[in-house]
């Protein structure tokens, strides 16, 4: 339960299906790239409530979580199972702490340990963007190709190989594949785009497939019921005196 709960804390993304509406419109490379750049939202604060399910080679679990973030500063996550808080995490640039409520224990770690657990290399800022739903933007000269319903953008960024699948009809991002220098791959899918006042459309459904163990990958599905941007919320986190450190 502890390992699965921690994975739910760390990974966030969603499944979208394109409806065939006739021939895919012809798009210029710049039009496709501009849609990617426009998609990301510059946020300071974020608060969200999310229904989650995790399927892994070890177990299948479902529940919900609440996320609070301050850009470049803090991530706070509470995970509930059967309506009861099972775990709580706080992370900043120095590392993370996770409280496991059922067992009255906690663990701490660094960003490098987070990378080992989620299976790809990332930093604190990128982790926040993933949780929020932003994506790493392509650098240099991306290559844009056409594949059935999708415009596919291939690019590199700081050693990561990126492939973006952009819906040819509405220019919404459907999928992002990320491969790190060690060859580990994560696939992120996005769907159920809804308008958030003042910020455009946001994917309320997300699915992440990422390395889990030698036995196979894990799949995390997330369905947002609340998505609040730039409304400051108080973040409180402390370790109870009776909790035992387990690492």
C-alpha atoms as a PDB file:
ATOM      1  CA  UNK A   1       0.000   0.000   0.000  1.00  0.00           C
ATOM      2  CA  UNK A   2       2.813   2.440   0.880  1.00  0.00           C
ATOM      3  CA  UNK A   3       4.594   2.080  -2.457  1.00  0.00           C
ATOM      4  CA  UNK A   4       1.378   2.287  -4.475  1.00  0.00           C
ATOM      5  CA  UNK A   5       0.209   5.341  -2.531  1.00  0.00           C
ATOM      6  CA  UNK A   6       3.516   7.066  -3.163  1.00  0.00           C
ATOM      7  CA  UNK A   7       3.216   6.402  -6.903  1.00  0.00           C
ATOM      8  CA  UNK A   8      -0.251   7.951  -6.900  1.00  0.00           C
ATOM      9  CA  UNK A   9       1.199  11.000  -5.165  1.00  0.00           C
ATOM     10  CA  UNK A  10       3.962  11.448  -7.710  1.00  0.00           C
ATOM     11  CA  UNK A  11       2.362  10.796 -11.029  1.00  0.00           C
ATOM     12  CA  UNK A  12      -0.178  12.694 -12.607  1.00  0.00           C
ATOM     13  CA  UNK A  13      -1.733  12.786 -16.360  1.00  0.00           C
ATOM     14  CA  UNK A  14      -5.484  11.304 -19.699  1.00  0.00           C
ATOM     15  CA  UNK A  15      -7.328   9.562 -22.045  1.00  0.00           C
ATOM     16  CA  UNK A  16      -8.894  11.304 -25.016  1.00  0.00           C
ATOM     17  CA  UNK A  17     -10.461   9.885 -28.132  1.00  0.00           C
ATOM     18  CA  UNK A  18     -10.649  11.773 -31.393  1.00  0.00           C
ATOM     19  CA  UNK A  19     -13.955  11.650 -33.220  1.00  0.00           C
ATOM     20  CA  UNK A  20     -13.714  11.364 -36.973  1.00  0.00           C
ATOM     21  CA  UNK A  21     -15.335  14.462 -38.390  1.00  0.00           C
ATOM     22  CA  UNK A  22     -14.181  14.204 -41.977  1.00  0.00           C
ATOM     23  CA  UNK A  23     -10.779  14.921 -43.510  1.00  0.00           C
ATOM     24  CA  UNK A  24      -8.193  16.210 -41.063  1.00  0.00           C
ATOM     25  CA  UNK A  25      -7.530  19.899 -41.836  1.00  0.00           C
ATOM     26  CA  UNK A  26      -4.170  20.795 -43.355  1.00  0.00           C
ATOM     27  CA  UNK A  27      -2.077  22.547 -40.697  1.00  0.00           C
ATOM     28  CA  UNK A  28       1.235  24.328 -41.021  1.00  0.00           C
ATOM     29  CA  UNK A  29       4.101  23.316 -38.733  1.00  0.00           C
ATOM     30  CA  UNK A  30       3.947  26.701 -37.013  1.00  0.00           C
ATOM     31  CA  UNK A  31       0.200  26.342 -36.376  1.00  0.00           C
ATOM     32  CA  UNK A  32       0.742  22.983 -34.660  1.00  0.00           C
ATOM     33  CA  UNK A  33       3.704  24.253 -32.618  1.00  0.00           C
ATOM     34  CA  UNK A  34       1.829  27.408 -31.614  1.00  0.00           C
ATOM     35  CA  UNK A  35      -1.038  25.260 -30.275  1.00  0.00           C
ATOM     36  CA  UNK A  36       1.440  23.355 -28.080  1.00  0.00           C
ATOM     37  CA  UNK A  37       3.009  26.541 -26.736  1.00  0.00           C
ATOM     38  CA  UNK A  38      -0.389  28.128 -26.062  1.00  0.00           C
ATOM     39  CA  UNK A  39      -1.588  25.049 -24.178  1.00  0.00           C
ATOM     40  CA  UNK A  40       0.596  25.542 -21.086  1.00  0.00           C
ATOM     41  CA  UNK A  41      -0.726  27.812 -18.318  1.00  0.00           C
ATOM     42  CA  UNK A  42       1.514  30.085 -16.261  1.00  0.00           C
ATOM     43  CA  UNK A  43       0.265  29.459 -12.714  1.00  0.00           C
ATOM     44  CA  UNK A  44       1.390  30.515  -9.236  1.00  0.00           C
ATOM     45  CA  UNK A  45      -1.080  28.516  -7.140  1.00  0.00           C
ATOM     46  CA  UNK A  46      -3.042  25.352  -7.912  1.00  0.00           C
ATOM     47  CA  UNK A  47      -5.677  23.389  -5.992  1.00  0.00           C
ATOM     48  CA  UNK A  48      -7.369  20.272  -7.327  1.00  0.00           C
ATOM     49  CA  UNK A  49      -9.509  17.300  -6.320  1.00  0.00           C
ATOM     50  CA  UNK A  50      -8.996  14.120  -8.291  1.00  0.00           C
ATOM     51  CA  UNK A  51     -10.453  10.622  -8.517  1.00  0.00           C
ATOM     52  CA  UNK A  52      -7.639   8.138  -9.111  1.00  0.00           C
ATOM     53  CA  UNK A  53      -7.020   4.504  -9.944  1.00  0.00           C
ATOM     54  CA  UNK A  54      -3.684   2.718 -10.184  1.00  0.00           C
ATOM     55  CA  UNK A  55      -3.090  -0.610 -11.934  1.00  0.00           C
ATOM     56  CA  UNK A  56       0.307  -2.222 -11.417  1.00  0.00           C
ATOM     57  CA  UNK A  57       1.826  -5.717 -11.551  1.00  0.00           C
ATOM     58  CA  UNK A  58       1.448  -5.872  -7.757  1.00  0.00           C
ATOM     59  CA  UNK A  59      -2.032  -4.494  -7.088  1.00  0.00           C
ATOM     60  CA  UNK A  60      -4.956  -2.409  -8.278  1.00  0.00           C
ATOM     61  CA  UNK A  61      -6.159   0.427  -6.046  1.00  0.00           C
ATOM     62  CA  UNK A  62      -8.523   3.362  -6.357  1.00  0.00           C
ATOM     63  CA  UNK A  63      -9.315   6.412  -4.281  1.00  0.00           C
ATOM     64  CA  UNK A  64      -9.100  10.179  -4.434  1.00  0.00           C
ATOM     65  CA  UNK A  65      -6.567  12.870  -3.714  1.00  0.00           C
ATOM     66  CA  UNK A  66      -6.396  16.579  -3.054  1.00  0.00           C
ATOM     67  CA  UNK A  67      -3.435  18.545  -4.406  1.00  0.00           C
ATOM     68  CA  UNK A  68      -2.178  21.995  -3.412  1.00  0.00           C
ATOM     69  CA  UNK A  69       0.826  23.621  -5.053  1.00  0.00           C
ATOM     70  CA  UNK A  70       2.815  26.823  -4.858  1.00  0.00           C
ATOM     71  CA  UNK A  71       4.882  27.230  -7.999  1.00  0.00           C
ATOM     72  CA  UNK A  72       8.613  26.522  -7.497  1.00  0.00           C
ATOM     73  CA  UNK A  73       8.046  26.157  -3.755  1.00  0.00           C
ATOM     74  CA  UNK A  74       5.784  23.376  -2.472  1.00  0.00           C
ATOM     75  CA  UNK A  75       3.582  20.394  -3.350  1.00  0.00           C
ATOM     76  CA  UNK A  76       1.069  19.070  -0.803  1.00  0.00           C
ATOM     77  CA  UNK A  77      -1.006  15.953  -1.497  1.00  0.00           C
ATOM     78  CA  UNK A  78      -3.543  14.041   0.608  1.00  0.00           C
ATOM     79  CA  UNK A  79      -4.703  10.590  -0.561  1.00  0.00           C
ATOM     80  CA  UNK A  80      -7.978   9.054   0.580  1.00  0.00           C
ATOM     81  CA  UNK A  81      -9.087   5.445   0.372  1.00  0.00           C
ATOM     82  CA  UNK A  82     -12.694   4.527   1.240  1.00  0.00           C
ATOM     83  CA  UNK A  83     -13.128   8.161   2.273  1.00  0.00           C
ATOM     84  CA  UNK A  84     -10.339   7.976   4.883  1.00  0.00           C
ATOM     85  CA  UNK A  85      -6.978   9.726   4.508  1.00  0.00           C
ATOM     86  CA  UNK A  86      -4.383   7.028   3.891  1.00  0.00           C
ATOM     87  CA  UNK A  87      -1.307   9.116   3.094  1.00  0.00           C
ATOM     88  CA  UNK A  88      -0.117  12.707   2.994  1.00  0.00           C
ATOM     89  CA  UNK A  89       2.932  14.096   1.200  1.00  0.00           C
ATOM     90  CA  UNK A  90       4.851  17.331   1.236  1.00  0.00           C
ATOM     91  CA  UNK A  91       7.622  18.050  -1.275  1.00  0.00           C
ATOM     92  CA  UNK A  92       9.868  20.970  -2.096  1.00  0.00           C
ATOM     93  CA  UNK A  93      13.151  21.382  -3.939  1.00  0.00           C
ATOM     94  CA  UNK A  94      15.074  19.659  -1.135  1.00  0.00           C
ATOM     95  CA  UNK A  95      13.023  16.441  -1.212  1.00  0.00           C
ATOM     96  CA  UNK A  96       9.831  14.849   0.077  1.00  0.00           C
ATOM     97  CA  UNK A  97       8.162  13.504   3.211  1.00  0.00           C
ATOM     98  CA  UNK A  98       5.277  11.012   3.140  1.00  0.00           C
ATOM     99  CA  UNK A  99       3.064  10.177   6.131  1.00  0.00           C
ATOM    100  CA  UNK A 100       1.297   6.792   6.090  1.00  0.00           C
ATOM    101  CA  UNK A 101      -1.764   7.261   8.269  1.00  0.00           C
ATOM    102  CA  UNK A 102      -2.840   3.624   8.741  1.00  0.00           C
ATOM    103  CA  UNK A 103       0.589   2.581  10.044  1.00  0.00           C
ATOM    104  CA  UNK A 104       1.628   5.817  11.820  1.00  0.00           C
ATOM    105  CA  UNK A 105       4.977   5.897  10.001  1.00  0.00           C
ATOM    106  CA  UNK A 106       6.722   8.276   7.623  1.00  0.00           C
ATOM    107  CA  UNK A 107       9.568   8.338   5.137  1.00  0.00           C
ATOM    108  CA  UNK A 108      11.716  11.022   3.542  1.00  0.00           C
ATOM    109  CA  UNK A 109      13.779  11.240   0.385  1.00  0.00           C
ATOM    110  CA  UNK A 110      15.434  13.425  -2.219  1.00  0.00           C
ATOM    111  CA  UNK A 111      14.460  14.391  -5.773  1.00  0.00           C
ATOM    112  CA  UNK A 112      16.875  11.750  -7.094  1.00  0.00           C
ATOM    113  CA  UNK A 113      14.912   9.104  -5.179  1.00  0.00           C
ATOM    114  CA  UNK A 114      11.684  10.404  -6.701  1.00  0.00           C
ATOM    115  CA  UNK A 115      13.226   9.893 -10.136  1.00  0.00           C
ATOM    116  CA  UNK A 116      13.999   6.270  -9.285  1.00  0.00           C
ATOM    117  CA  UNK A 117      10.437   5.652  -8.147  1.00  0.00           C
ATOM    118  CA  UNK A 118       8.565   7.266 -11.040  1.00  0.00           C
ATOM    119  CA  UNK A 119      10.938   5.768 -13.587  1.00  0.00           C
ATOM    120  CA  UNK A 120      12.109   8.845 -15.510  1.00  0.00           C
ATOM    121  CA  UNK A 121      14.428  11.746 -14.754  1.00  0.00           C
ATOM    122  CA  UNK A 122      12.721  15.005 -13.757  1.00  0.00           C
ATOM    123  CA  UNK A 123      13.294  17.985 -11.472  1.00  0.00           C
ATOM    124  CA  UNK A 124      10.983  19.674  -8.972  1.00  0.00           C
ATOM    125  CA  UNK A 125       9.693  22.263 -11.423  1.00  0.00           C
ATOM    126  CA  UNK A 126       8.922  19.621 -14.063  1.00  0.00           C
ATOM    127  CA  UNK A 127       7.164  17.486 -11.458  1.00  0.00           C
ATOM    128  CA  UNK A 128       4.886  20.417 -10.606  1.00  0.00           C
ATOM    129  CA  UNK A 129       4.107  20.994 -14.279  1.00  0.00           C
ATOM    130  CA  UNK A 130       3.222  17.310 -14.707  1.00  0.00           C
ATOM    131  CA  UNK A 131       0.869  17.445 -11.720  1.00  0.00           C
ATOM    132  CA  UNK A 132      -0.750  20.598 -13.075  1.00  0.00           C
ATOM    133  CA  UNK A 133      -1.080  19.252 -16.621  1.00  0.00           C
ATOM    134  CA  UNK A 134       1.494  21.396 -18.416  1.00  0.00           C
ATOM    135  CA  UNK A 135       3.993  19.662 -20.679  1.00  0.00           C
ATOM    136  CA  UNK A 136       7.680  20.025 -21.478  1.00  0.00           C
ATOM    137  CA  UNK A 137       7.810  22.202 -24.578  1.00  0.00           C
ATOM    138  CA  UNK A 138       9.953  21.227 -27.581  1.00  0.00           C
ATOM    139  CA  UNK A 139      13.281  22.983 -28.094  1.00  0.00           C
ATOM    140  CA  UNK A 140      15.434  23.557 -31.167  1.00  0.00           C
ATOM    141  CA  UNK A 141      13.831  22.558 -34.471  1.00  0.00           C
ATOM    142  CA  UNK A 142      11.037  20.028 -33.864  1.00  0.00           C
ATOM    143  CA  UNK A 143       9.983  17.760 -36.703  1.00  0.00           C
ATOM    144  CA  UNK A 144       6.246  17.773 -37.503  1.00  0.00           C
ATOM    145  CA  UNK A 145       4.716  14.828 -39.393  1.00  0.00           C
ATOM    146  CA  UNK A 146       1.177  13.643 -40.133  1.00  0.00           C
ATOM    147  CA  UNK A 147      -0.151  10.305 -38.821  1.00  0.00           C
ATOM    148  CA  UNK A 148      -3.816   9.600 -39.483  1.00  0.00           C
ATOM    149  CA  UNK A 149      -5.772  11.844 -37.055  1.00  0.00           C
ATOM    150  CA  UNK A 150      -2.656  13.288 -35.452  1.00  0.00           C
ATOM    151  CA  UNK A 151       0.081  15.752 -36.134  1.00  0.00           C
ATOM    152  CA  UNK A 152       3.173  14.239 -34.497  1.00  0.00           C
ATOM    153  CA  UNK A 153       5.856  16.589 -33.151  1.00  0.00           C
ATOM    154  CA  UNK A 154       9.243  14.952 -32.466  1.00  0.00           C
ATOM    155  CA  UNK A 155      11.797  16.883 -30.420  1.00  0.00           C
ATOM    156  CA  UNK A 156      14.457  16.764 -27.709  1.00  0.00           C
ATOM    157  CA  UNK A 157      14.736  18.746 -24.467  1.00  0.00           C
ATOM    158  CA  UNK A 158      17.626  18.415 -21.990  1.00  0.00           C
ATOM    159  CA  UNK A 159      18.312  14.811 -22.970  1.00  0.00           C
ATOM    160  CA  UNK A 160      14.646  13.771 -23.120  1.00  0.00           C
ATOM    161  CA  UNK A 161      13.208  12.426 -26.385  1.00  0.00           C
ATOM    162  CA  UNK A 162       9.673  13.779 -26.838  1.00  0.00           C
ATOM    163  CA  UNK A 163       6.791  12.851 -29.168  1.00  0.00           C
ATOM    164  CA  UNK A 164       3.597  14.906 -29.045  1.00  0.00           C
ATOM    165  CA  UNK A 165       0.385  13.672 -30.707  1.00  0.00           C
ATOM    166  CA  UNK A 166      -1.800  16.696 -31.515  1.00  0.00           C
ATOM    167  CA  UNK A 167      -5.418  16.224 -32.602  1.00  0.00           C
ATOM    168  CA  UNK A 168      -5.645  17.401 -36.207  1.00  0.00           C
ATOM    169  CA  UNK A 169      -9.205  18.700 -35.770  1.00  0.00           C
ATOM    170  CA  UNK A 170      -9.034  20.864 -32.654  1.00  0.00           C
ATOM    171  CA  UNK A 171      -5.236  21.059 -32.062  1.00  0.00           C
ATOM    172  CA  UNK A 172      -5.585  19.706 -28.513  1.00  0.00           C
ATOM    173  CA  UNK A 173      -2.752  17.548 -27.203  1.00  0.00           C
ATOM    174  CA  UNK A 174      -3.855  13.914 -27.062  1.00  0.00           C
ATOM    175  CA  UNK A 175      -0.666  12.146 -25.992  1.00  0.00           C
ATOM    176  CA  UNK A 176       2.955  12.783 -25.018  1.00  0.00           C
ATOM    177  CA  UNK A 177       5.664  10.117 -24.998  1.00  0.00           C
ATOM    178  CA  UNK A 178       8.794  10.898 -22.958  1.00  0.00           C
ATOM    179  CA  UNK A 179      11.979   8.805 -23.074  1.00  0.00           C
ATOM    180  CA  UNK A 180      14.833   9.716 -20.727  1.00  0.00           C
ATOM    181  CA  UNK A 181      18.576   9.152 -21.365  1.00  0.00           C
ATOM    182  CA  UNK A 182      18.373   5.725 -19.670  1.00  0.00           C
ATOM    183  CA  UNK A 183      15.741   4.599 -22.195  1.00  0.00           C
ATOM    184  CA  UNK A 184      12.856   4.627 -19.712  1.00  0.00           C
ATOM    185  CA  UNK A 185       9.549   5.648 -21.288  1.00  0.00           C
ATOM    186  CA  UNK A 186       6.452   7.311 -19.861  1.00  0.00           C
ATOM    187  CA  UNK A 187       3.304   7.931 -21.912  1.00  0.00           C
ATOM    188  CA  UNK A 188       0.859  10.638 -20.887  1.00  0.00           C
ATOM    189  CA  UNK A 189      -2.626  10.942 -22.408  1.00  0.00           C
ATOM    190  CA  UNK A 190      -5.058  13.846 -22.028  1.00  0.00           C
ATOM    191  CA  UNK A 191      -8.812  14.128 -22.595  1.00  0.00           C
ATOM    192  CA  UNK A 192     -12.143  15.683 -21.527  1.00  0.00           C
ATOM    193  CA  UNK A 193     -10.924  19.216 -22.215  1.00  0.00           C
ATOM    194  CA  UNK A 194     -13.064  21.782 -20.409  1.00  0.00           C
ATOM    195  CA  UNK A 195     -12.908  25.561 -20.364  1.00  0.00           C
ATOM    196  CA  UNK A 196     -11.557  27.108 -17.169  1.00  0.00           C
ATOM    197  CA  UNK A 197     -12.560  30.769 -16.993  1.00  0.00           C
ATOM    198  CA  UNK A 198      -9.672  33.045 -17.812  1.00  0.00           C
ATOM    199  CA  UNK A 199      -7.291  30.216 -18.748  1.00  0.00           C
ATOM    200  CA  UNK A 200      -8.706  28.374 -21.749  1.00  0.00           C
ATOM    201  CA  UNK A 201      -9.233  24.618 -22.009  1.00  0.00           C
ATOM    202  CA  UNK A 202      -7.749  22.147 -19.525  1.00  0.00           C
ATOM    203  CA  UNK A 203      -7.680  18.327 -19.647  1.00  0.00           C
ATOM    204  CA  UNK A 204      -9.834  17.009 -16.787  1.00  0.00           C
ATOM    205  CA  UNK A 205      -9.029  13.358 -17.600  1.00  0.00           C
ATOM    206  CA  UNK A 206      -5.458  12.070 -17.696  1.00  0.00           C
ATOM    207  CA  UNK A 207      -3.718   8.711 -17.933  1.00  0.00           C
ATOM    208  CA  UNK A 208      -0.064   7.942 -17.272  1.00  0.00           C
ATOM    209  CA  UNK A 209       1.719   4.715 -18.186  1.00  0.00           C
ATOM    210  CA  UNK A 210       5.183   4.537 -16.630  1.00  0.00           C
ATOM    211  CA  UNK A 211       7.888   2.052 -15.585  1.00  0.00           C
ATOM    212  CA  UNK A 212       6.961   0.272 -12.361  1.00  0.00           C
ATOM    213  CA  UNK A 213       9.124  -2.820 -11.928  1.00  0.00           C
ATOM    214  CA  UNK A 214      10.797  -5.615 -13.850  1.00  0.00           C
ATOM    215  CA  UNK A 215       7.366  -7.237 -14.062  1.00  0.00           C
ATOM    216  CA  UNK A 216       5.881  -4.401 -16.122  1.00  0.00           C
ATOM    217  CA  UNK A 217       4.483  -0.885 -16.259  1.00  0.00           C
ATOM    218  CA  UNK A 218       1.867   0.801 -14.102  1.00  0.00           C
ATOM    219  CA  UNK A 219      -1.134   2.816 -15.283  1.00  0.00           C
ATOM    220  CA  UNK A 220      -2.484   5.768 -13.306  1.00  0.00           C
ATOM    221  CA  UNK A 221      -5.848   7.264 -14.289  1.00  0.00           C
ATOM    222  CA  UNK A 222      -6.951  10.629 -12.952  1.00  0.00           C
ATOM    223  CA  UNK A 223     -10.308  12.396 -13.207  1.00  0.00           C
ATOM    224  CA  UNK A 224     -10.446  15.972 -11.893  1.00  0.00           C
ATOM    225  CA  UNK A 225     -13.610  17.154 -10.153  1.00  0.00           C
ATOM    226  CA  UNK A 226     -12.114  20.523  -9.124  1.00  0.00           C
ATOM    227  CA  UNK A 227      -9.445  22.590 -10.864  1.00  0.00           C
ATOM    228  CA  UNK A 228      -8.638  25.926  -9.231  1.00  0.00           C
ATOM    229  CA  UNK A 229      -5.890  28.220 -10.536  1.00  0.00           C
ATOM    230  CA  UNK A 230      -4.149  31.098  -8.752  1.00  0.00           C
ATOM    231  CA  UNK A 231      -6.277  31.070  -5.608  1.00  0.00           C
ATOM    232  CA  UNK A 232      -3.913  31.000  -2.600  1.00  0.00           C
ATOM    233  CA  UNK A 233      -4.641  28.209  -0.104  1.00  0.00           C
ATOM    234  CA  UNK A 234      -2.925  27.570   3.195  1.00  0.00           C
ATOM    235  CA  UNK A 235      -0.568  24.573   3.231  1.00  0.00           C
ATOM    236  CA  UNK A 236      -0.015  22.871   6.586  1.00  0.00           C
ATOM    237  CA  UNK A 237       2.258  19.872   7.046  1.00  0.00           C
ATOM    238  CA  UNK A 238       3.820  18.407  10.173  1.00  0.00           C
ATOM    239  CA  UNK A 239       4.971  14.991  11.362  1.00  0.00           C
ATOM    240  CA  UNK A 240       3.012  13.738  14.407  1.00  0.00           C
ATOM    241  CA  UNK A 241       5.168  12.987  17.434  1.00  0.00           C
ATOM    242  CA  UNK A 242       4.076   9.341  17.560  1.00  0.00           C
ATOM    243  CA  UNK A 243       5.063   8.563  13.930  1.00  0.00           C
ATOM    244  CA  UNK A 244       8.121   6.349  13.379  1.00  0.00           C
ATOM    245  CA  UNK A 245      10.609   7.006  10.564  1.00  0.00           C
ATOM    246  CA  UNK A 246      10.995   3.948   8.346  1.00  0.00           C
ATOM    247  CA  UNK A 247      13.969   4.892   6.162  1.00  0.00           C
END
